[in-house]
Amino acid sequence: MATETLPDERALRFGRRERVLAQMANHDLDLLVLGRQANVRYVSGTPQLWVAGTRPFGPILVLERATGEIHLNSTWDEGVPEEIGRDRLYGLSWSPFTLTEVLKGLSVSGTARRVGTDALSPTFAQLLPDAFPNAELVDGEAAMRAARRVKTAEEITAIRQALDVAQTALSAAIGELRPGSREQSLLGAMMEAMTLAGVSTPATQNGAWVTSREHPWRRAREDRRIQPGDLVAFAAGALGGGYVGEVGRTAVAGDEPSGAAALFVRSKSLTEKLFAACRAGAPAVGLLDAYDQAGEALPPMPVAHGLGMGFDPPVVSAELARSVADTILEAGMVLAVTGYVWQEGLGAVFTRDAVHITEDGPVLLTSSQGGQ
C-alpha cells in the first residue's frame, strides 16, 4: 500500500461525491460545512496532515450543492485532487474569527438558505450565523451518514486493501503465540507487520489479550503472561488509504485444553447465524437475535458496526438496541461482525469479520472464517 501523499483515486472520490450531492438534495442543503476528518476525506479525496485527530470543530471543507465546488482548508496543494483548484484552498488558522472571515468571502455565503454542519462547537455556533446571514443552520451529519452507509464498488476495493493489511498483521501475531510470551510482544508483532505492509496507523488499540477462564469479559491476569492452554483473542485493525479494515480471531497457546474444540464449534455456529442475518432489507436487530438463537449471551462490545472511513453506523449493540430498532440493512453496507462465546474454565472464542451486504446475500470479505 502506497505511503506517498496522493489524492484518492478519481473514480473513488467522484463516486463518493455524487452520493453526498444526492443526499444534499434529499436533505435540502445548499452548503455542507464539514469538520470531521473522515467526512472531509470522503468528500475531497484528500489525505490531510495538520487537521487530523481529535480536535474541536472547525470549517475544514465547504461543499456547494449547486456547482459541486469544494473549498478546502489546506496550507499547500500536495495530495489535493486536480478538480479542487488552488483558488479554492484556504490556509490553516487557529483563530475561529479568521476562518469565519474566509467563509464570509465565499460567493454563496449571502444566498445560501440551508447550511448543514457535521458538528458545532459553542464558538462556531455563535460565529457561523454571521458567515451565512440568510441561512438556517441544520444538522448535516444525517446527510453524510446516509451517503457513507452504502459503499461504492471502489470503496469495497479500498476496504479489501485495508483488510489485507489487517489480516497480514493478525497472522504475524498468531505466529508468535506460545506459552511464556506476553500480550505486549504479540501486539508488537502485529504492529511491526502492519508497518511493513505500509500502514502505520492501527485502527484498534487492544490487539491481543488472554481471555479469562473465570469471567466472561475480564482480562485473565495482571502480568499479561500467556500460560499453556490459554485462549488468546486477537483483534487487528488497519487504517489504510482512509479506510478501516478489522479482523479478529482466537488461538490456543500450546496444547488445546479439553472442551476447547466444542467451544470453537459453538463459535462457528454463532458466526453462521450472524452472517445469515446480514441480508438486504433485514432489521439490524436481527444480529442481536442471532445470539439468542445460538443460545449465547450478548457481549459488552457492539455485535456489529459499519466499516468505512472510521467507525460507521449502524452500531448494533445490546446497550443501543433502541437506537437501531428501526434500522434496516441495505445492499452496499459493509459490517464488522463480532462473535463471542465463553465457557467457564476455558475462556472465550472471539471473532470479527467484515461482511459486505449485497442483493444476492452476504459476502465475507475476511478469510479463515470461524475461530481457529
Protein backbone atom coordinates (compact mmCIF):
# COMPACT_ATOMS: atom_id res chain seq x y z
CA MET A 1 0.00 0.00 0.00
CA ALA A 2 1.47 3.35 -1.05
CA THR A 3 2.55 5.76 1.66
CA GLU A 4 3.01 8.88 -0.50
CA THR A 5 0.66 11.81 -0.01
CA LEU A 6 -1.53 11.25 -3.04
CA PRO A 7 -5.23 12.01 -3.55
CA ASP A 8 -7.66 9.11 -3.59
CA GLU A 9 -8.31 7.56 -6.99
CA ARG A 10 -10.55 9.64 -9.26
CA ALA A 11 -13.35 7.05 -9.51
CA LEU A 12 -13.32 6.62 -5.73
CA ARG A 13 -13.64 10.28 -4.86
CA PHE A 14 -16.13 11.12 -7.65
CA GLY A 15 -18.38 8.20 -6.71
CA ARG A 16 -18.45 9.31 -3.09
CA ARG A 17 -19.05 12.94 -4.03
CA GLU A 18 -22.04 12.00 -6.17
CA ARG A 19 -23.59 10.25 -3.19
CA VAL A 20 -23.08 13.31 -0.97
CA LEU A 21 -24.55 15.72 -3.52
CA ALA A 22 -27.57 13.44 -3.89
CA GLN A 23 -28.07 13.43 -0.12
CA MET A 24 -27.70 17.21 -0.01
CA ALA A 25 -30.60 17.38 -2.44
CA ASN A 26 -32.61 14.90 -0.34
CA HIS A 27 -31.99 16.98 2.80
CA ASP A 28 -32.43 20.32 1.01
CA LEU A 29 -28.93 21.60 1.84
CA ASP A 30 -27.32 24.39 -0.17
CA LEU A 31 -23.97 24.03 1.59
CA LEU A 32 -22.19 21.49 3.74
CA VAL A 33 -19.60 22.80 6.20
CA LEU A 34 -17.58 19.82 7.41
CA GLY A 35 -15.05 19.45 10.19
CA ARG A 36 -14.85 15.72 10.91
CA GLN A 37 -11.79 14.30 9.20
CA ALA A 38 -13.48 11.20 7.76
CA ASN A 39 -16.22 13.37 6.23
CA VAL A 40 -13.65 15.78 4.80
CA ARG A 41 -11.70 12.99 3.14
CA TYR A 42 -14.86 11.29 1.92
CA VAL A 43 -15.88 14.44 0.03
CA SER A 44 -12.48 15.79 -1.04
CA GLY A 45 -10.38 12.67 -1.52
CA THR A 46 -7.51 14.49 0.19
CA PRO A 47 -5.35 12.95 2.94
CA GLN A 48 -4.67 15.81 5.36
CA LEU A 49 -1.90 16.06 7.92
CA TRP A 50 -2.41 19.12 10.04
CA VAL A 51 -6.09 18.75 10.90
CA ALA A 52 -6.21 15.01 11.63
CA GLY A 53 -7.02 13.62 15.06
CA THR A 54 -9.37 14.68 17.82
CA ARG A 55 -9.93 18.43 17.96
CA PRO A 56 -12.73 20.99 18.30
CA PHE A 57 -14.93 21.61 15.27
CA GLY A 58 -13.51 23.81 12.54
CA PRO A 59 -14.77 24.54 8.99
CA ILE A 60 -12.26 22.40 7.10
CA LEU A 61 -14.34 21.88 3.95
CA VAL A 62 -17.28 23.61 2.29
CA LEU A 63 -19.23 21.85 -0.46
CA GLU A 64 -21.60 23.78 -2.74
CA ARG A 65 -24.55 21.73 -3.93
CA ALA A 66 -25.39 23.85 -7.00
CA THR A 67 -21.90 23.72 -8.53
CA GLY A 68 -20.19 20.83 -6.75
CA GLU A 69 -17.35 23.22 -5.89
CA ILE A 70 -15.16 22.34 -2.91
CA HIS A 71 -13.39 24.85 -0.68
CA LEU A 72 -10.70 23.15 1.39
CA ASN A 73 -8.58 24.16 4.35
CA SER A 74 -5.03 23.31 3.28
CA THR A 75 -1.69 25.06 3.54
CA TRP A 76 -0.42 23.56 0.27
CA ASP A 77 -1.71 21.58 -2.69
CA GLU A 78 0.20 18.31 -2.20
CA GLY A 79 -2.33 15.49 -2.23
CA VAL A 80 -5.16 17.80 -3.32
CA PRO A 81 -7.07 16.48 -6.36
CA GLU A 82 -6.79 18.47 -9.58
CA GLU A 83 -10.51 19.39 -9.61
CA ILE A 84 -10.02 21.42 -6.43
CA GLY A 85 -8.21 24.49 -7.74
CA ARG A 86 -5.62 26.39 -5.76
CA ASP A 87 -8.01 29.33 -5.61
CA ARG A 88 -10.35 27.08 -3.58
CA LEU A 89 -7.76 26.43 -0.85
CA TYR A 90 -7.57 28.49 2.32
CA GLY A 91 -4.77 28.36 4.86
CA LEU A 92 -4.68 26.84 8.31
CA SER A 93 -5.55 29.14 11.19
CA TRP A 94 -6.23 28.51 14.85
CA SER A 95 -8.40 31.62 15.02
CA PRO A 96 -12.13 30.90 14.55
CA PHE A 97 -12.62 34.55 13.60
CA THR A 98 -10.15 34.23 10.71
CA LEU A 99 -11.88 31.10 9.44
CA THR A 100 -15.26 32.80 9.71
CA GLU A 101 -13.97 35.64 7.54
CA VAL A 102 -12.95 33.06 4.93
CA LEU A 103 -16.49 31.70 4.89
CA LYS A 104 -17.94 35.19 4.60
CA GLY A 105 -15.87 35.70 1.46
CA LEU A 106 -17.45 32.78 -0.41
CA SER A 107 -19.70 33.90 -3.26
CA VAL A 108 -22.56 31.72 -1.99
CA SER A 109 -22.43 32.85 1.64
CA GLY A 110 -25.11 35.50 1.27
CA THR A 111 -27.52 33.42 -0.84
CA ALA A 112 -27.42 30.06 0.96
CA ARG A 113 -30.75 29.16 2.59
CA ARG A 114 -29.85 25.95 4.44
CA VAL A 115 -26.35 25.14 5.64
CA GLY A 116 -25.55 21.77 7.20
CA THR A 117 -22.64 21.08 9.55
CA ASP A 118 -21.37 17.75 10.86
CA ALA A 119 -20.71 19.18 14.32
CA LEU A 120 -20.58 22.54 16.04
CA SER A 121 -18.56 23.91 18.92
CA PRO A 122 -20.12 26.66 21.04
CA THR A 123 -17.82 29.20 19.40
CA PHE A 124 -18.78 28.34 15.85
CA ALA A 125 -22.43 28.08 16.83
CA GLN A 126 -22.17 31.81 17.51
CA LEU A 127 -19.96 32.72 14.54
CA LEU A 128 -21.45 30.78 11.63
CA PRO A 129 -24.72 32.75 11.54
CA ASP A 130 -22.55 35.79 10.72
CA ALA A 131 -20.89 33.91 7.87
CA PHE A 132 -24.24 32.80 6.41
CA PRO A 133 -26.66 35.61 7.37
CA ASN A 134 -29.64 34.36 5.33
CA ALA A 135 -29.30 30.67 6.10
CA GLU A 136 -30.76 28.25 8.58
CA LEU A 137 -28.03 26.14 10.22
CA VAL A 138 -29.06 22.49 10.42
CA ASP A 139 -27.56 19.09 11.18
CA GLY A 140 -25.63 17.95 8.11
CA GLU A 141 -24.35 14.74 9.68
CA ALA A 142 -27.58 12.96 8.72
CA ALA A 143 -26.84 13.58 5.04
CA MET A 144 -23.23 12.42 5.44
CA ARG A 145 -24.27 9.24 7.25
CA ALA A 146 -26.82 8.43 4.56
CA ALA A 147 -24.16 8.88 1.90
CA ARG A 148 -21.45 6.90 3.67
CA ARG A 149 -23.52 3.93 4.84
CA VAL A 150 -23.72 2.40 1.35
CA LYS A 151 -20.35 1.75 -0.28
CA THR A 152 -19.44 2.19 -3.93
CA ALA A 153 -17.59 -0.58 -5.79
CA GLU A 154 -14.36 1.41 -5.47
CA GLU A 155 -14.87 1.68 -1.71
CA ILE A 156 -15.23 -2.09 -1.43
CA THR A 157 -11.84 -2.41 -3.14
CA ALA A 158 -10.32 0.09 -0.70
CA ILE A 159 -11.78 -1.76 2.30
CA ARG A 160 -10.40 -5.05 0.95
CA GLN A 161 -6.92 -3.48 0.78
CA ALA A 162 -7.14 -2.36 4.42
CA LEU A 163 -8.40 -5.81 5.38
CA ASP A 164 -5.44 -7.44 3.63
CA VAL A 165 -3.09 -5.45 5.85
CA ALA A 166 -5.07 -6.29 8.98
CA GLN A 167 -5.08 -9.99 8.15
CA THR A 168 -1.33 -9.96 7.47
CA ALA A 169 -0.78 -8.35 10.87
CA LEU A 170 -3.11 -10.85 12.55
CA SER A 171 -1.24 -13.81 11.07
CA ALA A 172 2.10 -12.39 12.22
CA ALA A 173 0.84 -12.01 15.79
CA ILE A 174 -0.66 -15.51 15.92
CA GLY A 175 2.64 -16.85 14.61
CA GLU A 176 4.38 -15.50 17.73
CA LEU A 177 1.91 -17.10 20.16
CA ARG A 178 3.44 -19.56 22.60
CA PRO A 179 3.29 -20.23 26.35
CA GLY A 180 5.53 -17.81 28.25
CA SER A 181 5.14 -14.94 25.80
CA ARG A 182 3.35 -11.73 26.76
CA GLU A 183 0.39 -9.93 25.28
CA GLN A 184 2.63 -6.91 24.59
CA SER A 185 5.02 -8.93 22.41
CA LEU A 186 2.11 -10.24 20.34
CA LEU A 187 0.82 -6.71 19.87
CA GLY A 188 4.34 -5.63 18.86
CA ALA A 189 4.48 -8.34 16.20
CA MET A 190 1.11 -7.19 14.91
CA MET A 191 2.18 -3.54 14.68
CA GLU A 192 5.51 -4.43 13.03
CA ALA A 193 3.80 -6.49 10.32
CA MET A 194 1.27 -3.73 9.71
CA THR A 195 4.01 -1.13 9.32
CA LEU A 196 5.97 -3.35 6.94
CA ALA A 197 2.78 -3.59 4.87
CA GLY A 198 2.75 0.21 4.55
CA VAL A 199 0.25 1.17 7.26
CA SER A 200 1.48 2.87 10.42
CA THR A 201 -1.94 3.80 11.84
CA PRO A 202 -3.72 0.98 13.71
CA ALA A 203 -7.50 1.16 13.91
CA THR A 204 -7.63 -0.70 17.23
CA GLN A 205 -5.58 -0.44 20.43
CA ASN A 206 -6.27 -3.73 22.20
CA GLY A 207 -4.64 -6.15 19.76
CA ALA A 208 -4.11 -9.30 21.85
CA TRP A 209 -5.40 -10.49 25.21
CA VAL A 210 -5.75 -13.69 27.19
CA THR A 211 -9.42 -14.44 27.72
CA SER A 212 -10.40 -15.16 31.29
CA ARG A 213 -11.39 -18.64 32.42
CA GLU A 214 -13.28 -17.19 35.43
CA HIS A 215 -15.17 -14.21 33.99
CA PRO A 216 -16.78 -13.69 30.56
CA TRP A 217 -15.27 -10.25 29.87
CA ARG A 218 -12.29 -9.55 32.12
CA ARG A 219 -8.59 -9.99 31.37
CA ALA A 220 -7.14 -13.26 32.56
CA ARG A 221 -4.27 -11.94 34.69
CA GLU A 222 -2.44 -8.74 35.52
CA ASP A 223 1.05 -9.79 34.37
CA ARG A 224 -0.38 -10.44 30.86
CA ARG A 225 1.86 -13.51 30.51
CA ILE A 226 0.45 -16.38 28.48
CA GLN A 227 0.12 -19.83 30.02
CA PRO A 228 -0.38 -23.22 28.36
CA GLY A 229 -3.95 -23.79 27.22
CA ASP A 230 -4.89 -20.10 27.24
CA LEU A 231 -7.40 -18.94 24.65
CA VAL A 232 -5.88 -15.75 23.27
CA ALA A 233 -8.01 -13.29 21.34
CA PHE A 234 -6.50 -11.19 18.55
CA ALA A 235 -8.06 -8.05 17.06
CA ALA A 236 -6.20 -6.44 14.17
CA GLY A 237 -7.36 -3.15 12.71
CA ALA A 238 -5.63 -1.14 9.99
CA LEU A 239 -6.40 2.37 8.75
CA GLY A 240 -5.10 2.35 5.19
CA GLY A 241 -5.99 4.75 2.43
CA GLY A 242 -8.53 6.35 4.73
CA TYR A 243 -10.44 3.08 5.20
CA VAL A 244 -10.62 0.79 8.21
CA GLY A 245 -10.14 -2.95 7.99
CA GLU A 246 -10.83 -5.08 11.08
CA VAL A 247 -10.46 -8.79 11.69
CA GLY A 248 -10.48 -10.86 14.89
CA ARG A 249 -9.58 -14.45 15.72
CA THR A 250 -8.81 -16.66 18.73
CA ALA A 251 -5.94 -19.11 19.02
CA VAL A 252 -4.80 -21.59 21.68
CA ALA A 253 -1.41 -21.26 23.35
CA GLY A 254 0.25 -24.67 23.27
CA ASP A 255 -1.84 -27.82 23.50
CA GLU A 256 -5.59 -27.42 23.18
CA PRO A 257 -7.37 -27.94 26.50
CA SER A 258 -10.22 -30.40 26.87
CA GLY A 259 -13.50 -28.85 25.74
CA ALA A 260 -11.94 -26.16 23.54
CA ALA A 261 -12.96 -27.92 20.33
CA ALA A 262 -16.61 -27.80 21.36
CA LEU A 263 -16.27 -24.09 22.16
CA PHE A 264 -14.92 -23.41 18.68
CA VAL A 265 -17.87 -25.35 17.25
CA ARG A 266 -20.22 -23.09 19.19
CA SER A 267 -18.39 -20.08 17.80
CA LYS A 268 -18.77 -21.34 14.25
CA SER A 269 -22.50 -21.93 14.77
CA LEU A 270 -22.91 -18.37 16.10
CA THR A 271 -20.97 -16.73 13.26
CA GLU A 272 -23.03 -18.61 10.68
CA LYS A 273 -26.21 -17.20 12.22
CA LEU A 274 -24.68 -13.71 12.34
CA PHE A 275 -23.70 -13.86 8.68
CA ALA A 276 -27.17 -15.13 7.73
CA ALA A 277 -28.68 -12.06 9.45
CA CYS A 278 -26.68 -9.76 7.13
CA ARG A 279 -29.32 -9.53 4.41
CA ALA A 280 -30.55 -6.52 2.49
CA GLY A 281 -33.94 -5.48 3.86
CA ALA A 282 -33.45 -7.30 7.16
CA PRO A 283 -33.65 -5.44 10.50
CA ALA A 284 -30.30 -4.64 12.12
CA VAL A 285 -31.58 -6.07 15.42
CA GLY A 286 -31.53 -9.46 13.73
CA LEU A 287 -27.82 -9.53 14.59
CA LEU A 288 -28.74 -9.33 18.26
CA ASP A 289 -31.35 -12.03 17.77
CA ALA A 290 -28.66 -14.31 16.30
CA TYR A 291 -27.04 -14.57 19.73
CA ASP A 292 -30.36 -15.62 21.28
CA GLN A 293 -30.92 -18.17 18.52
CA ALA A 294 -27.46 -19.62 19.16
CA GLY A 295 -28.08 -19.69 22.92
CA GLU A 296 -25.16 -17.35 23.62
CA ALA A 297 -25.00 -14.32 25.90
CA LEU A 298 -24.65 -10.93 24.23
CA PRO A 299 -21.15 -9.43 24.63
CA PRO A 300 -20.49 -5.96 26.05
CA MET A 301 -18.98 -4.75 22.78
CA PRO A 302 -21.12 -4.00 19.69
CA VAL A 303 -22.22 -7.10 17.82
CA ALA A 304 -21.71 -5.21 14.56
CA HIS A 305 -20.76 -1.80 13.26
CA GLY A 306 -20.30 -0.28 9.87
CA LEU A 307 -16.88 -0.31 8.22
CA GLY A 308 -15.67 2.50 6.04
CA MET A 309 -13.80 5.70 6.80
CA GLY A 310 -14.00 5.09 10.51
CA PHE A 311 -16.49 3.50 12.89
CA ASP A 312 -19.59 3.92 10.74
CA PRO A 313 -23.26 3.44 11.55
CA PRO A 314 -25.16 1.34 12.22
CA VAL A 315 -23.78 0.39 15.60
CA VAL A 316 -25.62 -2.75 16.72
CA SER A 317 -25.29 -3.22 20.46
CA ALA A 318 -27.48 -4.50 23.26
CA GLU A 319 -26.92 -1.18 25.04
CA LEU A 320 -28.11 0.71 21.94
CA ALA A 321 -30.96 -1.60 20.94
CA ARG A 322 -33.50 1.22 20.91
CA SER A 323 -31.41 3.36 18.55
CA VAL A 324 -31.18 0.56 15.96
CA ALA A 325 -34.73 -0.73 16.42
CA ASP A 326 -35.87 0.80 13.13
CA THR A 327 -32.60 0.38 11.21
CA ILE A 328 -32.86 -1.75 8.08
CA LEU A 329 -29.75 -3.23 6.48
CA GLU A 330 -29.12 -2.10 2.91
CA ALA A 331 -27.29 -3.61 -0.04
CA GLY A 332 -23.88 -1.96 -0.21
CA MET A 333 -23.28 -1.79 3.54
CA VAL A 334 -20.12 -3.33 5.00
CA LEU A 335 -20.33 -4.52 8.60
CA ALA A 336 -17.67 -5.63 11.06
CA VAL A 337 -19.49 -8.54 12.72
CA THR A 338 -18.33 -9.78 16.13
CA GLY A 339 -18.81 -13.25 17.55
CA TYR A 340 -18.09 -14.01 21.21
CA VAL A 341 -18.71 -17.23 23.14
CA TRP A 342 -17.40 -18.06 26.61
CA GLN A 343 -17.11 -21.16 28.75
CA GLU A 344 -16.12 -21.17 32.42
CA GLY A 345 -12.83 -22.96 32.94
CA LEU A 346 -11.79 -22.45 29.29
CA GLY A 347 -12.11 -18.82 28.24
CA ALA A 348 -13.66 -17.16 25.22
CA VAL A 349 -13.58 -17.50 21.45
CA PHE A 350 -13.67 -14.10 19.79
CA THR A 351 -14.10 -13.48 16.05
CA ARG A 352 -14.54 -10.38 13.94
CA ASP A 353 -15.30 -10.49 10.23
CA ALA A 354 -16.09 -7.96 7.51
CA VAL A 355 -19.33 -8.74 5.69
CA HIS A 356 -20.46 -6.98 2.51
CA ILE A 357 -24.25 -6.98 2.19
CA THR A 358 -25.33 -7.46 -1.42
CA GLU A 359 -28.62 -8.02 -3.22
CA ASP A 360 -27.59 -11.66 -3.60
CA GLY A 361 -26.74 -12.15 0.06
CA PRO A 362 -23.81 -11.57 2.42
CA VAL A 363 -20.26 -11.75 1.05
CA LEU A 364 -17.46 -12.42 3.51
CA LEU A 365 -14.50 -10.09 2.90
CA THR A 366 -12.23 -11.66 5.52
CA SER A 367 -10.60 -15.07 5.22
CA SER A 368 -10.37 -18.00 7.63
CA GLN A 369 -13.98 -17.97 8.74
CA GLY A 370 -14.54 -19.18 12.29
CA GLY A 371 -12.41 -19.31 15.39
CA GLN A 372 -9.15 -21.18 14.86
